[in-house]
Every structure is written in C-alpha cells, then in structure tokens.
Amino acid sequence: MNNNLLNIENRPAESPLVETIWRSQSNQAGPFLSIATSRLELVIARHEGQLYCTVRGPETRPKMAHCPPDSEWLGIQFKHGVFLPHLPPSDLVDGQVTLPQASGRSFWLHGSAWEFPTFDNAEVFIARLVKEELLVCDPVVTSSLQARPTDLSPRSVQRRFRRATGLTQGTISQIERARFAVSLLRQGFSILDTVEQAGYADQPHLTRSLKRLIGQTPAQLASETYATQLSF
C-alpha cells in the first residue's frame, strides 16, 4: 500500500525470532492488492474503537482486499521457521485466525488473557510467548535456508519445513524472489535488469511468476501511472 492510503513505519526487532515490526494508520478507505508472503504474522488492528488480534498465515496467491478508514495496525512479522505450536502453520496457509477478546485491552491465547502488545513493547510480548513455550523456532528451517548441512534425510527436512512454515522450501524461495523482484521494479530497475538480479531464466519466467504471486505484470509494477496499491 502506498502513502495515499496509509502512513507506514517499521523498525528492526531486537528478538532473533522476528523479521520486522511495523505499524500503520489509514488516511482513507480504498482497495489494495494483498500479494503473496511466506511468513507468519501477528497483527493487532484498531477499528471503530475496538482492538483485534489476528494470526495470519503465509499467502501463496494475491487477492484484492479493502483498507477501512480511520484504522490502525501493528504487525509482528516472524522469521521463517517461527510458529505457534497450537496454531499449526499448515492450517493457516492462505488464511488467518482472529483470537477472541478477553477485555478491551486483552485477548485470549491458549487459555490465558494477554494484553495487546504495542509498537514499543513488542519484544517483551514475544519474550513472554517464548517463555510460555507458545512461540518456537525450528532450527532445521534456518539451517536449510542458509544451505547448512543437517543430520536429517531430505524427506525429514521437508516434513519439518511443512510443520514449521506450512510451505515447502521451494515455495518460500519463489515467493521471496517475486517480492525481491517487486522491490527492484519499484526502485526503478529495468525489467531485464530485474530478471538478472532476481535470478529468473528470462522475461517470460519473471512475468509468469509475478502474475501468479503478485497479481501484476512487470510492466504494471514498473509503471508510475499504474495506481493499484500493494500490501508491500
């Protein structure tokens, strides 16, 4: 989404389990294109005076969504392999779970009331989840993504990948490469340079990937006049 709809701020996280922490506020209502993402995310939304906590799974395809007016969001995006064991990632692929409210300031998670985290204290919230063993990280995923050897068979690695991420390693690589290509095109790289930098075989390969995972062609993404908003 661009700043016509949202004011967006993000920061690096102190927790080794978190990729980034972000917050946003909507300026107006409008449609946007939610693109594929390979990571688990916890999102706190404030709309019409109410707070909601949602756990979002990876998304393997783009979809149109709607940004409501006068709303705020806080997002905690986890690293690959980080998950909540009682909410299996395989059950959250292309979906989400909104946790029940316990009060105006808290929500229910695994039988206990938890205070909604804020942009500034998200690490404290994450540390509590880890202490209560409600958030874990599978080191096999990290090792595999970094091409480090493990003592497991390829089939066992694939099984661990599915359990911890809901996706295969190949699917994660495809999504991350497509998102990288979007960032290059948005920075002004040419389509041919993007093919080379992102490691696609040729321009048709790039086009097929972006249409499937992002919902737009490279030419649309590179155009300054194409106004579709992205959740990027």
Protein backbone atom coordinates (compact mmCIF):
# COMPACT_ATOMS: atom_id res chain seq x y z
CA MET A 1 0.00 0.00 0.00
CA ASN A 2 1.32 3.44 -0.68
CA ASN A 3 1.00 6.54 1.43
CA ASN A 4 -2.24 7.61 -0.27
CA LEU A 5 -3.94 5.02 1.90
CA LEU A 6 -1.53 4.54 4.79
CA ASN A 7 1.17 6.08 6.88
CA ILE A 8 3.62 3.24 7.45
CA GLU A 9 6.52 2.87 9.88
CA ASN A 10 8.67 -0.17 10.55
CA ARG A 11 11.69 -0.99 12.64
CA PRO A 12 14.09 -3.88 13.10
CA ALA A 13 13.34 -6.16 16.02
CA GLU A 14 15.65 -7.00 18.92
CA SER A 15 14.21 -10.51 19.08
CA PRO A 16 16.05 -13.08 16.89
CA LEU A 17 12.66 -14.64 16.09
CA VAL A 18 11.20 -11.54 14.45
CA GLU A 19 11.89 -10.26 10.94
CA THR A 20 10.36 -6.81 11.39
CA ILE A 21 7.84 -4.83 13.44
CA TRP A 22 5.59 -2.36 11.67
CA ARG A 23 2.66 -0.08 12.31
CA SER A 24 0.35 1.84 10.02
CA GLN A 25 -2.61 4.18 10.07
CA SER A 26 -5.14 4.58 7.28
CA ASN A 27 -5.82 8.00 5.82
CA GLN A 28 -8.80 6.90 3.75
CA ALA A 29 -10.70 3.86 2.57
CA GLY A 30 -9.69 2.10 -0.62
CA PRO A 31 -8.84 -1.19 -2.33
CA PHE A 32 -5.40 -2.76 -2.37
CA LEU A 33 -3.78 -5.90 -3.72
CA SER A 34 -2.57 -8.25 -0.99
CA ILE A 35 0.40 -10.10 -2.51
CA ALA A 36 1.96 -13.44 -1.63
CA THR A 37 4.02 -13.64 1.54
CA SER A 38 5.94 -16.57 3.01
CA ARG A 39 5.97 -15.54 6.67
CA LEU A 40 3.71 -15.93 9.68
CA GLU A 41 2.49 -12.63 11.10
CA LEU A 42 0.63 -11.43 14.18
CA VAL A 43 -1.42 -8.29 13.60
CA ILE A 44 -3.19 -6.04 16.09
CA ALA A 45 -5.91 -3.92 14.48
CA ARG A 46 -7.81 -0.98 15.95
CA HIS A 47 -11.06 -0.18 14.17
CA GLU A 48 -14.06 1.81 15.43
CA GLY A 49 -12.63 1.81 18.95
CA GLN A 50 -12.14 -1.96 19.14
CA LEU A 51 -8.88 -3.94 19.23
CA TYR A 52 -8.44 -7.26 17.44
CA CYS A 53 -5.55 -9.73 17.39
CA THR A 54 -5.16 -11.88 14.28
CA VAL A 55 -2.60 -14.54 13.40
CA ARG A 56 -2.08 -14.53 9.64
CA GLY A 57 -0.56 -17.43 7.79
CA PRO A 58 1.55 -17.37 4.63
CA GLU A 59 -0.28 -16.34 1.46
CA THR A 60 0.52 -18.19 -1.74
CA ARG A 61 -1.58 -16.09 -4.11
CA PRO A 62 -2.60 -12.44 -4.47
CA LYS A 63 -6.07 -11.21 -3.63
CA MET A 64 -7.92 -7.91 -3.59
CA ALA A 65 -8.71 -6.51 -0.15
CA HIS A 66 -10.16 -3.33 1.34
CA CYS A 67 -8.47 -0.80 3.62
CA PRO A 68 -11.03 0.73 6.05
CA PRO A 69 -10.76 4.40 7.05
CA ASP A 70 -9.54 5.69 10.43
CA SER A 71 -7.92 2.41 11.46
CA GLU A 72 -4.54 1.44 12.90
CA TRP A 73 -2.45 -1.72 12.69
CA LEU A 74 0.56 -3.16 14.49
CA GLY A 75 2.31 -6.08 12.82
CA ILE A 76 4.91 -8.54 14.12
CA GLN A 77 6.36 -10.47 11.19
CA PHE A 78 8.21 -13.63 12.23
CA LYS A 79 11.24 -15.21 10.64
CA HIS A 80 10.91 -18.44 8.67
CA GLY A 81 10.56 -21.43 10.97
CA VAL A 82 8.97 -19.49 13.85
CA PHE A 83 5.45 -20.61 14.72
CA LEU A 84 2.84 -21.13 17.44
CA PRO A 85 2.57 -24.91 18.04
CA HIS A 86 -1.11 -24.77 18.97
CA LEU A 87 -1.86 -22.94 15.70
CA PRO A 88 -0.14 -25.14 13.07
CA PRO A 89 1.08 -23.06 10.10
CA SER A 90 -0.31 -25.67 7.70
CA ASP A 91 -3.80 -24.73 8.95
CA LEU A 92 -3.13 -21.02 8.36
CA VAL A 93 -1.84 -21.06 4.77
CA ASP A 94 -3.95 -18.58 2.79
CA GLY A 95 -5.94 -17.92 5.95
CA GLN A 96 -5.98 -16.36 9.39
CA VAL A 97 -7.36 -16.76 12.90
CA THR A 98 -8.75 -13.85 14.92
CA LEU A 99 -8.27 -14.53 18.63
CA PRO A 100 -11.22 -13.86 20.98
CA GLN A 101 -11.19 -10.70 23.07
CA ALA A 102 -10.82 -11.07 26.84
CA SER A 103 -11.38 -7.36 27.56
CA GLY A 104 -10.87 -4.00 25.90
CA ARG A 105 -7.13 -4.34 26.50
CA SER A 106 -6.52 -8.08 26.22
CA PHE A 107 -7.25 -11.20 24.16
CA TRP A 108 -7.39 -14.93 24.81
CA LEU A 109 -4.43 -17.03 23.70
CA HIS A 110 -4.18 -20.71 24.58
CA GLY A 111 -6.45 -20.35 27.64
CA SER A 112 -4.87 -17.19 29.09
CA ALA A 113 -5.60 -13.47 28.74
CA TRP A 114 -2.79 -11.49 27.11
CA GLU A 115 -2.51 -7.71 26.99
CA PHE A 116 -2.35 -6.32 23.46
CA PRO A 117 1.28 -5.50 22.59
CA THR A 118 2.36 -2.09 21.35
CA PHE A 119 4.93 -0.91 18.81
CA ASP A 120 7.38 -0.17 21.63
CA ASN A 121 6.93 -3.26 23.84
CA ALA A 122 6.53 -5.96 21.18
CA GLU A 123 9.80 -7.64 22.22
CA VAL A 124 8.52 -8.04 25.79
CA PHE A 125 5.39 -9.68 24.42
CA ILE A 126 7.47 -12.02 22.22
CA ALA A 127 9.74 -12.95 25.14
CA ARG A 128 6.69 -13.92 27.21
CA LEU A 129 5.39 -16.10 24.38
CA VAL A 130 8.75 -17.88 24.19
CA LYS A 131 8.91 -18.33 27.97
CA GLU A 132 5.45 -19.91 27.98
CA GLU A 133 6.51 -22.13 25.03
CA LEU A 134 3.74 -20.65 22.89
CA LEU A 135 6.23 -19.49 20.25
CA VAL A 136 9.02 -21.76 18.99
CA CYS A 137 11.60 -21.85 16.23
CA ASP A 138 12.67 -24.92 14.27
CA PRO A 139 16.44 -24.61 13.64
CA VAL A 140 16.22 -27.07 10.73
CA VAL A 141 14.38 -24.44 8.71
CA THR A 142 17.07 -21.85 9.39
CA SER A 143 19.86 -24.27 8.52
CA SER A 144 18.19 -25.33 5.28
CA LEU A 145 17.51 -21.78 4.12
CA GLN A 146 21.16 -20.94 4.78
CA ALA A 147 22.31 -24.12 2.95
CA ARG A 148 23.91 -25.52 6.09
CA PRO A 149 24.03 -29.34 6.32
CA THR A 150 21.83 -31.23 8.77
CA ASP A 151 21.82 -34.83 10.01
CA LEU A 152 18.32 -35.37 8.63
CA SER A 153 17.23 -37.00 5.38
CA PRO A 154 15.76 -34.76 2.67
CA ARG A 155 12.32 -36.18 3.40
CA SER A 156 12.65 -35.38 7.11
CA VAL A 157 13.77 -31.84 6.28
CA GLN A 158 10.75 -31.38 4.03
CA ARG A 159 8.46 -32.66 6.77
CA ARG A 160 9.99 -30.23 9.30
CA PHE A 161 9.65 -27.40 6.78
CA ARG A 162 5.96 -28.13 6.30
CA ARG A 163 5.37 -28.33 10.03
CA ALA A 164 7.14 -25.06 10.84
CA THR A 165 6.14 -22.92 7.86
CA GLY A 166 3.17 -24.56 6.17
CA LEU A 167 5.10 -24.32 2.89
CA THR A 168 7.86 -26.15 1.04
CA GLN A 169 11.31 -24.62 0.76
CA GLY A 170 10.75 -24.22 -2.97
CA THR A 171 7.54 -22.26 -2.45
CA ILE A 172 9.25 -19.96 0.06
CA SER A 173 12.07 -19.31 -2.42
CA GLN A 174 9.61 -18.50 -5.21
CA ILE A 175 7.65 -16.04 -3.05
CA GLU A 176 10.75 -14.32 -1.70
CA ARG A 177 12.23 -14.00 -5.19
CA ALA A 178 8.99 -12.48 -6.52
CA ARG A 179 8.86 -9.97 -3.67
CA PHE A 180 12.51 -9.07 -4.32
CA ALA A 181 11.67 -8.51 -7.99
CA VAL A 182 8.84 -6.16 -6.94
CA SER A 183 11.24 -4.14 -4.81
CA LEU A 184 13.69 -3.84 -7.73
CA LEU A 185 10.99 -2.71 -10.16
CA ARG A 186 9.66 -0.21 -7.65
CA GLN A 187 13.19 1.18 -7.22
CA GLY A 188 13.42 1.85 -10.95
CA PHE A 189 15.35 -1.18 -12.18
CA SER A 190 14.51 -2.16 -15.74
CA ILE A 191 12.65 -5.40 -16.40
CA LEU A 192 15.74 -7.00 -17.95
CA ASP A 193 17.93 -5.94 -15.02
CA THR A 194 15.31 -7.35 -12.64
CA VAL A 195 15.40 -10.68 -14.49
CA GLU A 196 19.16 -10.84 -13.95
CA GLN A 197 19.27 -9.51 -10.39
CA ALA A 198 16.45 -11.74 -9.12
CA GLY A 199 17.74 -14.84 -10.91
CA TYR A 200 14.93 -15.53 -13.37
CA ALA A 201 15.66 -17.52 -16.53
CA ASP A 202 14.18 -14.88 -18.84
CA GLN A 203 11.49 -12.19 -19.03
CA PRO A 204 8.59 -14.64 -19.62
CA HIS A 205 9.69 -16.53 -16.48
CA LEU A 206 9.58 -13.28 -14.47
CA THR A 207 6.20 -12.35 -15.92
CA ARG A 208 4.64 -15.73 -15.09
CA SER A 209 5.96 -15.62 -11.54
CA LEU A 210 4.78 -12.09 -10.80
CA LYS A 211 1.33 -12.63 -12.30
CA ARG A 212 0.89 -15.77 -10.17
CA LEU A 213 2.29 -14.46 -6.87
CA ILE A 214 1.87 -10.68 -7.07
CA GLY A 215 -1.11 -10.29 -9.39
CA GLN A 216 0.57 -7.81 -11.75
CA THR A 217 2.95 -7.94 -14.69
CA PRO A 218 6.47 -6.45 -14.52
CA ALA A 219 5.34 -3.61 -16.80
CA GLN A 220 2.46 -2.75 -14.46
CA LEU A 221 4.73 -2.78 -11.42
CA ALA A 222 7.31 -0.59 -13.15
CA SER A 223 4.74 1.94 -14.37
CA GLU A 224 4.43 5.19 -12.44
CA THR A 225 0.88 5.66 -13.68
CA TYR A 226 -0.48 2.23 -12.67
CA ALA A 227 -2.25 3.05 -9.42
CA THR A 228 -3.07 -0.31 -7.83
CA GLN A 229 -2.00 -0.35 -4.18
CA LEU A 230 0.15 -3.26 -2.93
CA SER A 231 0.49 -4.74 0.55
CA PHE A 232 4.25 -4.47 0.18
